[in-house]
Amino acid sequence: MFGSKRTIAVLFMVVVAVLAGVGTAAGAEPADEHCVVEVIDQLDTGEFVLSDPVCFGTFAEAAWFASSGAVALDSDVTPADLAHLPVIAGVLSTFTLGVHYDGYSGGGSSISVVGSSCSGGYWNTLPAWDNRISSTWNGCYRVKHHDYPAMGGAYRSTVGTGSVHNVPSALDNKAESISYWSS
């Protein structure tokens, strides 16, 4: 009898601990994630074929990966800090078409698109990024945010290489494809 009460008490404590952990996890803010995709081909339609995303806990790790180790940033550097690091921004723009964020002014999680052509190619946002982009760091001079896949529907541009721009309100959190332009 003593053994069974002890077992029930231990089991009760385990259940309480598990439920407490679930409550904490459910109420916690999700951690930012910084992913990198690479253009590996381009279809005749202009659509980019992308690699699978590789994701990191910091923007610095993502930039290091995207640059094959050429860009080493302090771990606390955020995408918004790039405006104050023009040399780094210049290096990033030689291989990064754009970095897209789910927060304003380069905040929150990001996805970097690595490639070499600013001639109008596009990607359809990954399901995890559909209707989620709020700001963009331009590696190409002009980045167009399109309402629908395959550059369909309305679009709004962010303009200016090497700086973060908030997506104009008409397309904030509405883009389903992104295209990259040199002018």
Foldseek 3Di string as FASTA:
>chain_A
DVVVVVVVVVVVVVVVVVVVVVVVVVPDDDQAKEWEWEFPDADPLLETDIDPIDIDRAPQVRLCVLLVNPRHDPRPDAPLCQVVVVVSLLSCLQFWQKKFALDPSRDGYIYTYTHHDQAWHKYFDDPVQALRTFKMAGSAQKKWFAQAPSNDDDIFIDGDRRHMDTTPPVCGSRGRMMHGHND
